[in-house]
């Protein structure tokens, strides 16, 4: 019974851990928006939607993230909490055009 009560008390904390989803769209081998502004000091969820007919790989050395997104599919990544700054990312399969930055304020 105590375990059930503890679980019930902790459940709302997991819901509050990530408040807002941020969306990046890959279309025509470009990230939209190319600059995504998010709050500093908070864990966030970024949903990456690939609207292209070919796969893309989200890559960011500064965020320590690498994620393959199939054609016409989406994935979610969790990042943060991050310090104030700029965190560049790119699409590894179309690096010349798929460039972007996450800006924390």
PDB file of N, CA and C in Angstrom:
ATOM      1  N   UNK A   1       0.816  -1.191   0.000  1.00  0.00           N
ATOM      2  CA  UNK A   1       0.000   0.000   0.000  1.00  0.00           C
ATOM      3  C   UNK A   1       0.861   1.258   0.000  1.00  0.00           C
ATOM      4  N   UNK A   2       1.953   1.227   0.794  1.00  0.00           N
ATOM      5  CA  UNK A   2       2.844   2.384   0.845  1.00  0.00           C
ATOM      6  C   UNK A   2       3.503   2.636  -0.505  1.00  0.00           C
ATOM      7  N   UNK A   3       3.844   1.555  -1.211  1.00  0.00           N
ATOM      8  CA  UNK A   3       4.463   1.707  -2.526  1.00  0.00           C
ATOM      9  C   UNK A   3       3.497   2.345  -3.510  1.00  0.00           C
ATOM     10  N   UNK A   4       2.239   1.966  -3.441  1.00  0.00           N
ATOM     11  CA  UNK A   4       1.229   2.533  -4.324  1.00  0.00           C
ATOM     12  C   UNK A   4       1.037   4.014  -4.039  1.00  0.00           C
ATOM     13  N   UNK A   5       1.014   4.385  -2.784  1.00  0.00           N
ATOM     14  CA  UNK A   5       0.873   5.787  -2.402  1.00  0.00           C
ATOM     15  C   UNK A   5       2.077   6.588  -2.876  1.00  0.00           C
ATOM     16  N   UNK A   6       3.272   6.058  -2.709  1.00  0.00           N
ATOM     17  CA  UNK A   6       4.471   6.734  -3.162  1.00  0.00           C
ATOM     18  C   UNK A   6       4.451   6.917  -4.677  1.00  0.00           C
ATOM     19  N   UNK A   7       4.047   5.907  -5.399  1.00  0.00           N
ATOM     20  CA  UNK A   7       3.941   5.999  -6.850  1.00  0.00           C
ATOM     21  C   UNK A   7       2.939   7.074  -7.253  1.00  0.00           C
ATOM     22  N   UNK A   8       1.814   7.139  -6.578  1.00  0.00           N
ATOM     23  CA  UNK A   8       0.792   8.147  -6.875  1.00  0.00           C
ATOM     24  C   UNK A   8       1.318   9.552  -6.605  1.00  0.00           C
ATOM     25  N   UNK A   9       2.152   9.712  -5.607  1.00  0.00           N
ATOM     26  CA  UNK A   9       2.712  11.024  -5.295  1.00  0.00           C
ATOM     27  C   UNK A   9       3.797  11.441  -6.281  1.00  0.00           C
ATOM     28  N   UNK A  10       4.545  10.496  -6.819  1.00  0.00           N
ATOM     29  CA  UNK A  10       5.621  10.805  -7.750  1.00  0.00           C
ATOM     30  C   UNK A  10       5.141  10.999  -9.183  1.00  0.00           C
ATOM     31  N   UNK A  11       4.029  10.459  -9.542  1.00  0.00           N
ATOM     32  CA  UNK A  11       3.513  10.546 -10.906  1.00  0.00           C
ATOM     33  C   UNK A  11       3.381  11.984 -11.397  1.00  0.00           C
ATOM     34  N   UNK A  12       2.809  12.911 -10.635  1.00  0.00           N
ATOM     35  CA  UNK A  12       2.723  14.288 -11.130  1.00  0.00           C
ATOM     36  C   UNK A  12       4.084  14.920 -11.400  1.00  0.00           C
ATOM     37  N   UNK A  13       5.135  14.512 -10.704  1.00  0.00           N
ATOM     38  CA  UNK A  13       6.460  15.068 -10.938  1.00  0.00           C
ATOM     39  C   UNK A  13       6.995  14.693 -12.308  1.00  0.00           C
ATOM     40  N   UNK A  14       6.708  13.499 -12.777  1.00  0.00           N
ATOM     41  CA  UNK A  14       7.180  13.100 -14.102  1.00  0.00           C
ATOM     42  C   UNK A  14       6.435  13.857 -15.189  1.00  0.00           C
ATOM     43  N   UNK A  15       5.200  14.187 -14.955  1.00  0.00           N
ATOM     44  CA  UNK A  15       4.426  14.953 -15.931  1.00  0.00           C
ATOM     45  C   UNK A  15       4.957  16.371 -16.024  1.00  0.00           C
ATOM     46  N   UNK A  16       5.375  16.956 -14.918  1.00  0.00           N
ATOM     47  CA  UNK A  16       5.870  18.321 -14.902  1.00  0.00           C
ATOM     48  C   UNK A  16       7.310  18.446 -15.382  1.00  0.00           C
ATOM     49  N   UNK A  17       8.027  17.360 -15.521  1.00  0.00           N
ATOM     50  CA  UNK A  17       9.435  17.414 -15.894  1.00  0.00           C
ATOM     51  C   UNK A  17       9.645  18.067 -17.259  1.00  0.00           C
ATOM     52  N   UNK A  18       8.775  17.825 -18.217  1.00  0.00           N
ATOM     53  CA  UNK A  18       8.860  18.422 -19.541  1.00  0.00           C
ATOM     54  C   UNK A  18       7.547  19.143 -19.786  1.00  0.00           C
ATOM     55  N   UNK A  19       7.616  20.469 -19.903  1.00  0.00           N
ATOM     56  CA  UNK A  19       6.395  21.256 -20.012  1.00  0.00           C
ATOM     57  C   UNK A  19       5.911  21.443 -21.451  1.00  0.00           C
ATOM     58  N   UNK A  20       6.827  21.658 -22.379  1.00  0.00           N
ATOM     59  CA  UNK A  20       6.448  22.028 -23.734  1.00  0.00           C
ATOM     60  C   UNK A  20       7.216  21.196 -24.745  1.00  0.00           C
ATOM     61  N   UNK A  21       6.539  20.805 -25.807  1.00  0.00           N
ATOM     62  CA  UNK A  21       7.204  20.160 -26.931  1.00  0.00           C
ATOM     63  C   UNK A  21       7.615  21.244 -27.929  1.00  0.00           C
ATOM     64  N   UNK A  22       8.814  21.140 -28.437  1.00  0.00           N
ATOM     65  CA  UNK A  22       9.288  22.034 -29.490  1.00  0.00           C
ATOM     66  C   UNK A  22       9.421  21.195 -30.746  1.00  0.00           C
ATOM     67  N   UNK A  23       9.050  21.766 -31.895  1.00  0.00           N
ATOM     68  CA  UNK A  23       8.996  20.992 -33.142  1.00  0.00           C
ATOM     69  C   UNK A  23       9.992  21.552 -34.147  1.00  0.00           C
ATOM     70  N   UNK A  24      10.787  20.654 -34.715  1.00  0.00           N
ATOM     71  CA  UNK A  24      11.641  20.943 -35.861  1.00  0.00           C
ATOM     72  C   UNK A  24      11.116  20.115 -37.022  1.00  0.00           C
ATOM     73  N   UNK A  25      10.994  20.730 -38.186  1.00  0.00           N
ATOM     74  CA  UNK A  25      10.519  20.031 -39.381  1.00  0.00           C
ATOM     75  C   UNK A  25      11.648  19.988 -40.400  1.00  0.00           C
ATOM     76  N   UNK A  26      11.844  18.817 -40.975  1.00  0.00           N
ATOM     77  CA  UNK A  26      12.789  18.668 -42.087  1.00  0.00           C
ATOM     78  C   UNK A  26      11.962  18.639 -43.358  1.00  0.00           C
ATOM     79  N   UNK A  27      12.187  19.627 -44.219  1.00  0.00           N
ATOM     80  CA  UNK A  27      11.469  19.693 -45.494  1.00  0.00           C
ATOM     81  C   UNK A  27      12.430  20.245 -46.535  1.00  0.00           C
ATOM     82  N   UNK A  28      12.488  19.590 -47.680  1.00  0.00           N
ATOM     83  CA  UNK A  28      13.421  19.971 -48.749  1.00  0.00           C
ATOM     84  C   UNK A  28      14.859  20.002 -48.227  1.00  0.00           C
ATOM     85  N   UNK A  29      15.197  19.063 -47.350  1.00  0.00           N
ATOM     86  CA  UNK A  29      16.536  18.901 -46.778  1.00  0.00           C
ATOM     87  C   UNK A  29      16.996  20.119 -45.987  1.00  0.00           C
ATOM     88  N   UNK A  30      16.029  20.801 -45.354  1.00  0.00           N
ATOM     89  CA  UNK A  30      16.329  21.944 -44.490  1.00  0.00           C
ATOM     90  C   UNK A  30      15.529  21.822 -43.203  1.00  0.00           C
ATOM     91  N   UNK A  31      16.100  22.321 -42.107  1.00  0.00           N
ATOM     92  CA  UNK A  31      15.375  22.360 -40.839  1.00  0.00           C
ATOM     93  C   UNK A  31      14.556  23.636 -40.770  1.00  0.00           C
ATOM     94  N   UNK A  32      13.325  23.497 -40.327  1.00  0.00           N
ATOM     95  CA  UNK A  32      12.440  24.642 -40.152  1.00  0.00           C
ATOM     96  C   UNK A  32      11.836  24.571 -38.763  1.00  0.00           C
ATOM     97  N   UNK A  33      12.007  25.572 -37.925  1.00  0.00           N
ATOM     98  CA  UNK A  33      12.814  26.757 -38.159  1.00  0.00           C
ATOM     99  C   UNK A  33      14.300  26.427 -38.060  1.00  0.00           C
ATOM    100  N   UNK A  34      15.112  27.229 -38.700  1.00  0.00           N
ATOM    101  CA  UNK A  34      16.561  27.016 -38.650  1.00  0.00           C
ATOM    102  C   UNK A  34      17.115  27.440 -37.296  1.00  0.00           C
ATOM    103  N   UNK A  35      16.399  28.301 -36.596  1.00  0.00           N
ATOM    104  CA  UNK A  35      16.796  28.713 -35.251  1.00  0.00           C
ATOM    105  C   UNK A  35      15.624  28.480 -34.307  1.00  0.00           C
ATOM    106  N   UNK A  36      15.835  27.642 -33.331  1.00  0.00           N
ATOM    107  CA  UNK A  36      14.797  27.280 -32.362  1.00  0.00           C
ATOM    108  C   UNK A  36      15.201  27.848 -31.005  1.00  0.00           C
ATOM    109  N   UNK A  37      14.369  28.741 -30.457  1.00  0.00           N
ATOM    110  CA  UNK A  37      14.661  29.354 -29.164  1.00  0.00           C
ATOM    111  C   UNK A  37      13.900  28.614 -28.076  1.00  0.00           C
ATOM    112  N   UNK A  38      14.634  28.216 -27.035  1.00  0.00           N
ATOM    113  CA  UNK A  38      14.060  27.461 -25.923  1.00  0.00           C
ATOM    114  C   UNK A  38      14.554  28.072 -24.613  1.00  0.00           C
ATOM    115  N   UNK A  39      13.859  27.801 -23.511  1.00  0.00           N
ATOM    116  CA  UNK A  39      14.312  28.354 -22.231  1.00  0.00           C
ATOM    117  C   UNK A  39      15.553  27.635 -21.703  1.00  0.00           C
ATOM    118  N   UNK A  40      16.455  28.402 -21.135  1.00  0.00           N
ATOM    119  CA  UNK A  40      17.642  27.829 -20.501  1.00  0.00           C
ATOM    120  C   UNK A  40      17.251  27.218 -19.159  1.00  0.00           C
ATOM    121  N   UNK A  41      17.999  26.218 -18.750  1.00  0.00           N
ATOM    122  CA  UNK A  41      17.814  25.642 -17.431  1.00  0.00           C
ATOM    123  C   UNK A  41      16.642  24.697 -17.283  1.00  0.00           C
ATOM    124  N   UNK A  42      16.015  24.299 -18.399  1.00  0.00           N
ATOM    125  CA  UNK A  42      14.875  23.381 -18.345  1.00  0.00           C
ATOM    126  C   UNK A  42      15.093  22.214 -19.286  1.00  0.00           C
ATOM    127  N   UNK A  43      14.617  21.050 -18.891  1.00  0.00           N
ATOM    128  CA  UNK A  43      14.630  19.889 -19.775  1.00  0.00           C
ATOM    129  C   UNK A  43      13.503  20.081 -20.786  1.00  0.00           C
ATOM    130  N   UNK A  44      13.804  19.856 -22.063  1.00  0.00           N
ATOM    131  CA  UNK A  44      12.789  20.043 -23.102  1.00  0.00           C
ATOM    132  C   UNK A  44      12.722  18.810 -24.000  1.00  0.00           C
ATOM    133  N   UNK A  45      11.595  18.693 -24.660  1.00  0.00           N
ATOM    134  CA  UNK A  45      11.374  17.642 -25.651  1.00  0.00           C
ATOM    135  C   UNK A  45      11.324  18.303 -27.020  1.00  0.00           C
ATOM    136  N   UNK A  46      12.144  17.814 -27.941  1.00  0.00           N
ATOM    137  CA  UNK A  46      12.137  18.307 -29.312  1.00  0.00           C
ATOM    138  C   UNK A  46      11.629  17.186 -30.204  1.00  0.00           C
ATOM    139  N   UNK A  47      10.548  17.442 -30.899  1.00  0.00           N
ATOM    140  CA  UNK A  47       9.984  16.500 -31.862  1.00  0.00           C
ATOM    141  C   UNK A  47      10.522  16.893 -33.231  1.00  0.00           C
ATOM    142  N   UNK A  48      11.171  15.964 -33.899  1.00  0.00           N
ATOM    143  CA  UNK A  48      11.728  16.211 -35.227  1.00  0.00           C
ATOM    144  C   UNK A  48      10.881  15.447 -36.235  1.00  0.00           C
ATOM    145  N   UNK A  49      10.218  16.185 -37.115  1.00  0.00           N
ATOM    146  CA  UNK A  49       9.346  15.597 -38.141  1.00  0.00           C
ATOM    147  C   UNK A  49      10.051  15.669 -39.484  1.00  0.00           C
ATOM    148  N   UNK A  50      10.249  14.532 -40.119  1.00  0.00           N
ATOM    149  CA  UNK A  50      10.879  14.481 -41.429  1.00  0.00           C
ATOM    150  C   UNK A  50       9.790  14.387 -42.493  1.00  0.00           C
ATOM    151  N   UNK A  51       9.580  15.469 -43.216  1.00  0.00           N
ATOM    152  CA  UNK A  51       8.575  15.502 -44.281  1.00  0.00           C
ATOM    153  C   UNK A  51       9.161  15.136 -45.639  1.00  0.00           C
ATOM    154  N   UNK A  52      10.437  14.796 -45.672  1.00  0.00           N
ATOM    155  CA  UNK A  52      11.088  14.418 -46.923  1.00  0.00           C
ATOM    156  C   UNK A  52      10.882  12.932 -47.217  1.00  0.00           C
ATOM    157  N   UNK A  53      11.115  12.567 -48.467  1.00  0.00           N
ATOM    158  CA  UNK A  53      10.969  11.171 -48.896  1.00  0.00           C
ATOM    159  C   UNK A  53      12.238  10.361 -48.663  1.00  0.00           C
ATOM    160  N   UNK A  54      13.222  10.958 -48.014  1.00  0.00           N
ATOM    161  CA  UNK A  54      14.469  10.251 -47.700  1.00  0.00           C
ATOM    162  C   UNK A  54      14.794  10.440 -46.217  1.00  0.00           C
ATOM    163  N   UNK A  55      15.557   9.534 -45.632  1.00  0.00           N
ATOM    164  CA  UNK A  55      15.893   9.666 -44.211  1.00  0.00           C
ATOM    165  C   UNK A  55      16.876  10.809 -43.972  1.00  0.00           C
ATOM    166  N   UNK A  56      16.943  11.234 -42.736  1.00  0.00           N
ATOM    167  CA  UNK A  56      17.918  12.253 -42.325  1.00  0.00           C
ATOM    168  C   UNK A  56      18.419  11.886 -40.935  1.00  0.00           C
ATOM    169  N   UNK A  57      19.622  12.334 -40.624  1.00  0.00           N
ATOM    170  CA  UNK A  57      20.173  12.080 -39.296  1.00  0.00           C
ATOM    171  C   UNK A  57      20.426  13.409 -38.602  1.00  0.00           C
ATOM    172  N   UNK A  58      19.709  13.635 -37.502  1.00  0.00           N
ATOM    173  CA  UNK A  58      19.933  14.814 -36.664  1.00  0.00           C
ATOM    174  C   UNK A  58      21.233  14.592 -35.909  1.00  0.00           C
ATOM    175  N   UNK A  59      22.130  15.567 -36.008  1.00  0.00           N
ATOM    176  CA  UNK A  59      23.448  15.432 -35.379  1.00  0.00           C
ATOM    177  C   UNK A  59      23.817  16.740 -34.692  1.00  0.00           C
ATOM    178  N   UNK A  60      24.251  16.651 -33.445  1.00  0.00           N
ATOM    179  CA  UNK A  60      24.739  17.818 -32.720  1.00  0.00           C
ATOM    180  C   UNK A  60      25.821  17.382 -31.749  1.00  0.00           C
ATOM    181  N   UNK A  61      27.029  17.861 -32.002  1.00  0.00           N
ATOM    182  CA  UNK A  61      28.143  17.538 -31.099  1.00  0.00           C
ATOM    183  C   UNK A  61      27.984  18.271 -29.772  1.00  0.00           C
ATOM    184  N   UNK A  62      27.537  19.532 -29.820  1.00  0.00           N
ATOM    185  CA  UNK A  62      27.413  20.316 -28.591  1.00  0.00           C
ATOM    186  C   UNK A  62      26.282  19.812 -27.697  1.00  0.00           C
ATOM    187  N   UNK A  63      25.263  19.188 -28.290  1.00  0.00           N
ATOM    188  CA  UNK A  63      24.168  18.607 -27.502  1.00  0.00           C
ATOM    189  C   UNK A  63      24.401  17.132 -27.197  1.00  0.00           C
ATOM    190  N   UNK A  64      25.419  16.561 -27.811  1.00  0.00           N
ATOM    191  CA  UNK A  64      25.723  15.134 -27.653  1.00  0.00           C
ATOM    192  C   UNK A  64      24.512  14.272 -28.062  1.00  0.00           C
ATOM    193  N   UNK A  65      23.945  14.601 -29.229  1.00  0.00           N
ATOM    194  CA  UNK A  65      22.780  13.873 -29.733  1.00  0.00           C
ATOM    195  C   UNK A  65      22.993  13.490 -31.195  1.00  0.00           C
ATOM    196  N   UNK A  66      22.523  12.298 -31.522  1.00  0.00           N
ATOM    197  CA  UNK A  66      22.539  11.780 -32.883  1.00  0.00           C
ATOM    198  C   UNK A  66      21.311  10.896 -33.016  1.00  0.00           C
ATOM    199  N   UNK A  67      20.449  11.201 -33.988  1.00  0.00           N
ATOM    200  CA  UNK A  67      19.204  10.443 -34.111  1.00  0.00           C
ATOM    201  C   UNK A  67      18.815  10.319 -35.577  1.00  0.00           C
ATOM    202  N   UNK A  68      18.561   9.095 -36.011  1.00  0.00           N
ATOM    203  CA  UNK A  68      18.118   8.836 -37.380  1.00  0.00           C
ATOM    204  C   UNK A  68      16.608   9.009 -37.452  1.00  0.00           C
ATOM    205  N   UNK A  69      16.154   9.763 -38.461  1.00  0.00           N
ATOM    206  CA  UNK A  69      14.728   9.974 -38.678  1.00  0.00           C
ATOM    207  C   UNK A  69      14.389   9.401 -40.049  1.00  0.00           C
ATOM    208  N   UNK A  70      13.550   8.396 -40.073  1.00  0.00           N
ATOM    209  CA  UNK A  70      13.147   7.774 -41.338  1.00  0.00           C
ATOM    210  C   UNK A  70      12.349   8.773 -42.187  1.00  0.00           C
ATOM    211  N   UNK A  71      12.239   8.467 -43.476  1.00  0.00           N
ATOM    212  CA  UNK A  71      11.444   9.300 -44.371  1.00  0.00           C
ATOM    213  C   UNK A  71       9.996   9.346 -43.888  1.00  0.00           C
ATOM    214  N   UNK A  72       9.404  10.546 -43.924  1.00  0.00           N
ATOM    215  CA  UNK A  72       7.998  10.747 -43.538  1.00  0.00           C
ATOM    216  C   UNK A  72       7.691  10.172 -42.155  1.00  0.00           C
ATOM    217  N   UNK A  73       8.600  10.402 -41.224  1.00  0.00           N
ATOM    218  CA  UNK A  73       8.431   9.911 -39.857  1.00  0.00           C
ATOM    219  C   UNK A  73       8.855  11.002 -38.881  1.00  0.00           C
ATOM    220  N   UNK A  74       8.657  10.726 -37.605  1.00  0.00           N
ATOM    221  CA  UNK A  74       9.092  11.682 -36.587  1.00  0.00           C
ATOM    222  C   UNK A  74       9.706  10.929 -35.413  1.00  0.00           C
ATOM    223  N   UNK A  75      10.578  11.636 -34.691  1.00  0.00           N
ATOM    224  CA  UNK A  75      11.204  11.111 -33.479  1.00  0.00           C
ATOM    225  C   UNK A  75      11.218  12.222 -32.438  1.00  0.00           C
ATOM    226  N   UNK A  76      11.401  11.830 -31.189  1.00  0.00           N
ATOM    227  CA  UNK A  76      11.519  12.791 -30.099  1.00  0.00           C
ATOM    228  C   UNK A  76      12.874  12.634 -29.437  1.00  0.00           C
ATOM    229  N   UNK A  77      13.460  13.770 -29.085  1.00  0.00           N
ATOM    230  CA  UNK A  77      14.695  13.751 -28.299  1.00  0.00           C
ATOM    231  C   UNK A  77      14.484  14.672 -27.100  1.00  0.00           C
ATOM    232  N   UNK A  78      15.133  14.327 -26.016  1.00  0.00           N
ATOM    233  CA  UNK A  78      15.083  15.142 -24.808  1.00  0.00           C
ATOM    234  C   UNK A  78      16.457  15.748 -24.593  1.00  0.00           C
ATOM    235  N   UNK A  79      16.477  17.052 -24.332  1.00  0.00           N
ATOM    236  CA  UNK A  79      17.745  17.728 -24.077  1.00  0.00           C
ATOM    237  C   UNK A  79      17.598  18.636 -22.865  1.00  0.00           C
ATOM    238  N   UNK A  80      18.728  18.933 -22.273  1.00  0.00           N
ATOM    239  CA  UNK A  80      18.732  19.869 -21.164  1.00  0.00           C
ATOM    240  C   UNK A  80      18.722  19.181 -19.824  1.00  0.00           C
ATOM    241  N   UNK A  81      18.731  20.023 -18.828  1.00  0.00           N
ATOM    242  CA  UNK A  81      18.719  21.479 -18.896  1.00  0.00           C
ATOM    243  C   UNK A  81      20.038  22.022 -19.467  1.00  0.00           C
ATOM    244  N   UNK A  82      19.912  23.111 -20.240  1.00  0.00           N
ATOM    245  CA  UNK A  82      21.060  23.699 -20.920  1.00  0.00           C
ATOM    246  C   UNK A  82      21.357  25.087 -20.372  1.00  0.00           C
ATOM    247  N   UNK A  83      22.620  25.451 -20.396  1.00  0.00           N
ATOM    248  CA  UNK A  83      23.028  26.811 -20.045  1.00  0.00           C
ATOM    249  C   UNK A  83      22.672  27.751 -21.190  1.00  0.00           C
ATOM    250  N   UNK A  84      22.628  29.034 -20.911  1.00  0.00           N
ATOM    251  CA  UNK A  84      22.375  30.025 -21.957  1.00  0.00           C
ATOM    252  C   UNK A  84      23.461  29.887 -23.018  1.00  0.00           C
ATOM    253  N   UNK A  85      23.043  29.857 -24.287  1.00  0.00           N
ATOM    254  CA  UNK A  85      24.024  29.723 -25.361  1.00  0.00           C
ATOM    255  C   UNK A  85      23.398  29.301 -26.671  1.00  0.00           C
ATOM    256  N   UNK A  86      24.268  28.929 -27.604  1.00  0.00           N
ATOM    257  CA  UNK A  86      23.859  28.494 -28.942  1.00  0.00           C
ATOM    258  C   UNK A  86      24.401  27.082 -29.158  1.00  0.00           C
ATOM    259  N   UNK A  87      23.538  26.194 -29.619  1.00  0.00           N
ATOM    260  CA  UNK A  87      23.877  24.788 -29.787  1.00  0.00           C
ATOM    261  C   UNK A  87      23.573  24.382 -31.231  1.00  0.00           C
ATOM    262  N   UNK A  88      24.594  24.399 -32.106  1.00  0.00           N
ATOM    263  CA  UNK A  88      24.354  24.071 -33.521  1.00  0.00           C
ATOM    264  C   UNK A  88      24.025  22.597 -33.730  1.00  0.00           C
ATOM    265  N   UNK A  89      23.262  22.331 -34.794  1.00  0.00           N
ATOM    266  CA  UNK A  89      22.945  20.968 -35.220  1.00  0.00           C
ATOM    267  C   UNK A  89      22.897  20.942 -36.736  1.00  0.00           C
ATOM    268  N   UNK A  90      22.926  19.740 -37.299  1.00  0.00           N
ATOM    269  CA  UNK A  90      22.868  19.614 -38.755  1.00  0.00           C
ATOM    270  C   UNK A  90      22.309  18.254 -39.123  1.00  0.00           C
ATOM    271  N   UNK A  91      21.916  18.137 -40.391  1.00  0.00           N
ATOM    272  CA  UNK A  91      21.498  16.856 -40.942  1.00  0.00           C
ATOM    273  C   UNK A  91      22.695  16.210 -41.607  1.00  0.00           C
ATOM    274  N   UNK A  92      23.116  15.079 -41.091  1.00  0.00           N
ATOM    275  CA  UNK A  92      24.348  14.465 -41.582  1.00  0.00           C
ATOM    276  C   UNK A  92      24.263  14.053 -43.050  1.00  0.00           C
ATOM    277  N   UNK A  93      23.079  13.693 -43.533  1.00  0.00           N
ATOM    278  CA  UNK A  93      22.953  13.230 -44.910  1.00  0.00           C
ATOM    279  C   UNK A  93      22.856  14.384 -45.911  1.00  0.00           C
ATOM    280  N   UNK A  94      22.541  15.582 -45.445  1.00  0.00           N
ATOM    281  CA  UNK A  94      22.422  16.769 -46.306  1.00  0.00           C
ATOM    282  C   UNK A  94      23.043  17.961 -45.586  1.00  0.00           C
ATOM    283  N   UNK A  95      24.289  17.818 -45.219  1.00  0.00           N
ATOM    284  CA  UNK A  95      24.956  18.794 -44.365  1.00  0.00           C
ATOM    285  C   UNK A  95      25.044  20.193 -44.988  1.00  0.00           C
ATOM    286  N   UNK A  96      25.081  20.272 -46.312  1.00  0.00           N
ATOM    287  CA  UNK A  96      25.193  21.576 -46.971  1.00  0.00           C
ATOM    288  C   UNK A  96      23.943  22.428 -46.769  1.00  0.00           C
ATOM    289  N   UNK A  97      22.783  21.797 -46.644  1.00  0.00           N
ATOM    290  CA  UNK A  97      21.534  22.564 -46.533  1.00  0.00           C
ATOM    291  C   UNK A  97      20.828  22.396 -45.189  1.00  0.00           C
ATOM    292  N   UNK A  98      21.003  21.275 -44.539  1.00  0.00           N
ATOM    293  CA  UNK A  98      20.290  21.002 -43.282  1.00  0.00           C
ATOM    294  C   UNK A  98      21.127  21.480 -42.096  1.00  0.00           C
ATOM    295  N   UNK A  99      21.008  22.768 -41.792  1.00  0.00           N
ATOM    296  CA  UNK A  99      21.766  23.392 -40.707  1.00  0.00           C
ATOM    297  C   UNK A  99      20.799  24.117 -39.786  1.00  0.00           C
ATOM    298  N   UNK A 100      21.119  24.145 -38.510  1.00  0.00           N
ATOM    299  CA  UNK A 100      20.281  24.887 -37.582  1.00  0.00           C
ATOM    300  C   UNK A 100      20.982  25.103 -36.261  1.00  0.00           C
ATOM    301  N   UNK A 101      20.291  25.800 -35.359  1.00  0.00           N
ATOM    302  CA  UNK A 101      20.849  26.086 -34.042  1.00  0.00           C
ATOM    303  C   UNK A 101      19.716  26.162 -33.024  1.00  0.00           C
ATOM    304  N   UNK A 102      19.957  25.613 -31.861  1.00  0.00           N
ATOM    305  CA  UNK A 102      19.057  25.780 -30.728  1.00  0.00           C
ATOM    306  C   UNK A 102      19.660  26.875 -29.859  1.00  0.00           C
ATOM    307  N   UNK A 103      18.872  27.913 -29.599  1.00  0.00           N
ATOM    308  CA  UNK A 103      19.313  29.047 -28.808  1.00  0.00           C
ATOM    309  C   UNK A 103      18.593  28.994 -27.476  1.00  0.00           C
ATOM    310  N   UNK A 104      19.349  29.049 -26.404  1.00  0.00           N
ATOM    311  CA  UNK A 104      18.747  29.055 -25.070  1.00  0.00           C
ATOM    312  C   UNK A 104      18.900  30.440 -24.466  1.00  0.00           C
ATOM    313  N   UNK A 105      17.804  30.904 -23.864  1.00  0.00           N
ATOM    314  CA  UNK A 105      17.788  32.233 -23.230  1.00  0.00           C
ATOM    315  C   UNK A 105      17.234  32.123 -21.842  1.00  0.00           C
TER     316      UNK A 105
END
